[in-house]
Each structure stands twice: as structure tokens, then as C-alpha cells.
C-alpha atoms as a PDB file:
ATOM      1  CA  UNK A   1      20.772 250.076  31.879  1.00  0.00           C
ATOM      2  CA  UNK A   2      20.607 246.310  31.565  1.00  0.00           C
ATOM      3  CA  UNK A   3      23.512 244.960  29.454  1.00  0.00           C
ATOM      4  CA  UNK A   4      20.981 243.109  27.266  1.00  0.00           C
ATOM      5  CA  UNK A   5      19.442 246.458  26.270  1.00  0.00           C
ATOM      6  CA  UNK A   6      22.714 247.428  24.657  1.00  0.00           C
ATOM      7  CA  UNK A   7      22.660 244.408  22.304  1.00  0.00           C
ATOM      8  CA  UNK A   8      21.055 244.109  18.868  1.00  0.00           C
ATOM      9  CA  UNK A   9      18.744 241.209  17.897  1.00  0.00           C
ATOM     10  CA  UNK A  10      20.173 238.749  15.381  1.00  0.00           C
ATOM     11  CA  UNK A  11      17.951 237.321  12.629  1.00  0.00           C
ATOM     12  CA  UNK A  12      16.544 233.936  13.590  1.00  0.00           C
ATOM     13  CA  UNK A  13      15.180 231.771  10.763  1.00  0.00           C
ATOM     14  CA  UNK A  14      15.167 228.589  12.773  1.00  0.00           C
ATOM     15  CA  UNK A  15      17.688 225.785  12.741  1.00  0.00           C
ATOM     16  CA  UNK A  16      18.926 226.569  16.247  1.00  0.00           C
ATOM     17  CA  UNK A  17      17.758 225.202  19.558  1.00  0.00           C
ATOM     18  CA  UNK A  18      15.732 227.319  21.951  1.00  0.00           C
ATOM     19  CA  UNK A  19      17.388 228.357  25.216  1.00  0.00           C
ATOM     20  CA  UNK A  20      17.352 225.721  27.960  1.00  0.00           C
ATOM     21  CA  UNK A  21      15.888 226.545  31.399  1.00  0.00           C
ATOM     22  CA  UNK A  22      19.445 226.772  32.730  1.00  0.00           C
ATOM     23  CA  UNK A  23      20.245 229.413  30.081  1.00  0.00           C
ATOM     24  CA  UNK A  24      16.957 231.304  30.708  1.00  0.00           C
ATOM     25  CA  UNK A  25      17.331 231.673  34.470  1.00  0.00           C
ATOM     26  CA  UNK A  26      20.277 234.070  34.543  1.00  0.00           C
ATOM     27  CA  UNK A  27      18.852 236.175  31.695  1.00  0.00           C
ATOM     28  CA  UNK A  28      15.508 236.431  33.450  1.00  0.00           C
ATOM     29  CA  UNK A  29      17.196 237.548  36.720  1.00  0.00           C
ATOM     30  CA  UNK A  30      18.360 240.741  34.975  1.00  0.00           C
ATOM     31  CA  UNK A  31      14.789 241.693  34.060  1.00  0.00           C
ATOM     32  CA  UNK A  32      12.442 243.217  36.619  1.00  0.00           C
ATOM     33  CA  UNK A  33       8.907 241.773  36.559  1.00  0.00           C
ATOM     34  CA  UNK A  34       9.313 239.390  33.622  1.00  0.00           C
ATOM     35  CA  UNK A  35       8.376 235.717  34.085  1.00  0.00           C
ATOM     36  CA  UNK A  36       8.276 232.601  31.994  1.00  0.00           C
ATOM     37  CA  UNK A  37       4.695 231.646  31.253  1.00  0.00           C
ATOM     38  CA  UNK A  38       3.227 228.099  30.961  1.00  0.00           C
ATOM     39  CA  UNK A  39       3.148 228.516  27.149  1.00  0.00           C
ATOM     40  CA  UNK A  40       6.909 229.118  27.128  1.00  0.00           C
ATOM     41  CA  UNK A  41       6.833 232.859  26.483  1.00  0.00           C
ATOM     42  CA  UNK A  42       8.303 235.500  28.769  1.00  0.00           C
ATOM     43  CA  UNK A  43       5.792 238.132  29.754  1.00  0.00           C
ATOM     44  CA  UNK A  44       5.264 241.288  31.795  1.00  0.00           C
ATOM     45  CA  UNK A  45       2.341 243.560  32.399  1.00  0.00           C
ATOM     46  CA  UNK A  46       3.118 247.283  32.456  1.00  0.00           C
ATOM     47  CA  UNK A  47       0.683 249.569  34.313  1.00  0.00           C
ATOM     48  CA  UNK A  48       0.052 253.250  33.542  1.00  0.00           C
ATOM     49  CA  UNK A  49      -2.016 256.130  34.909  1.00  0.00           C
ATOM     50  CA  UNK A  50      -4.220 256.503  31.865  1.00  0.00           C
ATOM     51  CA  UNK A  51      -4.968 255.506  28.294  1.00  0.00           C
ATOM     52  CA  UNK A  52      -2.647 258.147  26.795  1.00  0.00           C
ATOM     53  CA  UNK A  53       0.357 256.788  28.668  1.00  0.00           C
ATOM     54  CA  UNK A  54      -0.598 253.238  27.736  1.00  0.00           C
ATOM     55  CA  UNK A  55      -0.789 254.149  24.071  1.00  0.00           C
ATOM     56  CA  UNK A  56       2.441 256.051  24.217  1.00  0.00           C
ATOM     57  CA  UNK A  57       4.152 252.911  25.523  1.00  0.00           C
ATOM     58  CA  UNK A  58       2.516 250.761  22.868  1.00  0.00           C
ATOM     59  CA  UNK A  59       3.836 253.094  20.156  1.00  0.00           C
ATOM     60  CA  UNK A  60       7.330 253.137  21.643  1.00  0.00           C
ATOM     61  CA  UNK A  61       7.246 249.311  21.900  1.00  0.00           C
ATOM     62  CA  UNK A  62       6.216 249.119  18.243  1.00  0.00           C
ATOM     63  CA  UNK A  63       9.171 251.316  17.345  1.00  0.00           C
ATOM     64  CA  UNK A  64      11.585 249.121  19.298  1.00  0.00           C
ATOM     65  CA  UNK A  65      10.081 246.014  17.682  1.00  0.00           C
ATOM     66  CA  UNK A  66      10.455 247.442  14.197  1.00  0.00           C
ATOM     67  CA  UNK A  67      14.063 248.436  14.759  1.00  0.00           C
ATOM     68  CA  UNK A  68      14.950 245.022  16.224  1.00  0.00           C
ATOM     69  CA  UNK A  69      12.751 243.117  13.755  1.00  0.00           C
ATOM     70  CA  UNK A  70      11.472 241.036  16.670  1.00  0.00           C
ATOM     71  CA  UNK A  71       7.803 241.452  17.556  1.00  0.00           C
ATOM     72  CA  UNK A  72       5.914 240.653  20.773  1.00  0.00           C
ATOM     73  CA  UNK A  73       2.330 239.674  21.419  1.00  0.00           C
ATOM     74  CA  UNK A  74       0.612 242.592  23.169  1.00  0.00           C
ATOM     75  CA  UNK A  75      -2.704 242.881  25.007  1.00  0.00           C
ATOM     76  CA  UNK A  76      -3.706 246.467  25.575  1.00  0.00           C
ATOM     77  CA  UNK A  77      -6.205 247.812  28.061  1.00  0.00           C
ATOM     78  CA  UNK A  78      -7.092 251.285  29.337  1.00  0.00           C
ATOM     79  CA  UNK A  79      -4.189 251.532  31.757  1.00  0.00           C
ATOM     80  CA  UNK A  80      -2.097 248.442  31.166  1.00  0.00           C
ATOM     81  CA  UNK A  81      -0.279 246.519  28.487  1.00  0.00           C
ATOM     82  CA  UNK A  82       0.842 242.892  28.683  1.00  0.00           C
ATOM     83  CA  UNK A  83       3.827 242.155  26.515  1.00  0.00           C
ATOM     84  CA  UNK A  84       4.941 238.569  25.730  1.00  0.00           C
ATOM     85  CA  UNK A  85       7.940 237.378  23.746  1.00  0.00           C
ATOM     86  CA  UNK A  86       8.907 234.084  22.153  1.00  0.00           C
ATOM     87  CA  UNK A  87      10.925 233.323  19.085  1.00  0.00           C
ATOM     88  CA  UNK A  88       8.384 231.673  16.765  1.00  0.00           C
ATOM     89  CA  UNK A  89      10.984 230.387  14.344  1.00  0.00           C
ATOM     90  CA  UNK A  90      12.373 228.064  17.027  1.00  0.00           C
ATOM     91  CA  UNK A  91       9.208 227.644  19.029  1.00  0.00           C
ATOM     92  CA  UNK A  92      10.955 228.750  22.185  1.00  0.00           C
ATOM     93  CA  UNK A  93      13.021 231.479  23.805  1.00  0.00           C
ATOM     94  CA  UNK A  94      16.143 233.030  22.266  1.00  0.00           C
ATOM     95  CA  UNK A  95      18.420 235.810  23.360  1.00  0.00           C
ATOM     96  CA  UNK A  96      16.361 238.159  21.124  1.00  0.00           C
ATOM     97  CA  UNK A  97      13.403 237.815  23.495  1.00  0.00           C
ATOM     98  CA  UNK A  98      15.458 239.002  26.443  1.00  0.00           C
ATOM     99  CA  UNK A  99      17.142 241.791  24.459  1.00  0.00           C
ATOM    100  CA  UNK A 100      13.719 243.197  23.460  1.00  0.00           C
ATOM    101  CA  UNK A 101      12.360 242.823  27.014  1.00  0.00           C
ATOM    102  CA  UNK A 102      15.359 244.767  28.349  1.00  0.00           C
ATOM    103  CA  UNK A 103      14.909 247.461  25.675  1.00  0.00           C
ATOM    104  CA  UNK A 104      11.231 247.961  26.681  1.00  0.00           C
ATOM    105  CA  UNK A 105      12.228 248.247  30.361  1.00  0.00           C
ATOM    106  CA  UNK A 106      14.890 250.792  29.308  1.00  0.00           C
ATOM    107  CA  UNK A 107      12.219 253.047  27.801  1.00  0.00           C
ATOM    108  CA  UNK A 108      11.431 254.147  31.366  1.00  0.00           C
ATOM    109  CA  UNK A 109      15.022 255.335  31.881  1.00  0.00           C
ATOM    110  CA  UNK A 110      14.776 257.848  29.045  1.00  0.00           C
END
């Protein structure tokens, strides 16, 4: 399991700087299939065999988001779900985004 997945998100109300590209690169290396988007978010598209599996993932992701109090943007289709994270309070990426991304990836190790 990715070390980030073992961490817990910390509340972010702003007042801190977003991660720099030099800080983002090593964190992104530990995540399979995630990439920084032009809008500054990190995103990944998960693919599934059918709608049921897609919705099961969406519900599990909602549970993770609730527990971490850090919520992604999600676009859901029949057999895929695109997940994107950014820390809105700082208008950029924080460690929380990478923690939650790692936790979603870890769902497949259960």
C-alpha cells in the first residue's frame, strides 16, 4: 500500500501555499495513472466492467471522501469514473489531494 494511503487528511482552511511543482512530482510518482491537469487538479479515470462496479466504486469513494473530509470532483459514466482532486481553500494542490488519491487506489487492494 502506498505510504500516503496510511496518512489522514488535515483540515485546510487556507492561509498556506499550494504545493510547488517540485513538491508535486515525487508525490505523483507514487500514484499509478494520476496526472496533473491543465486546470491544476490531479485526475485519474478508473474503468470498470459494468455500471454496478462503477457505482460500487463511486459509493466507496464517497465513503473515503466523507471520512477524510476532502471531496473530489467526479464524472461518472456507464463503465468509468473520472476523479479529480484540488484543495479549493488554497486554489492548488495539497498533500490531502495525494492522500485521497492513494486511498482510492488502495480500494482495489481490499
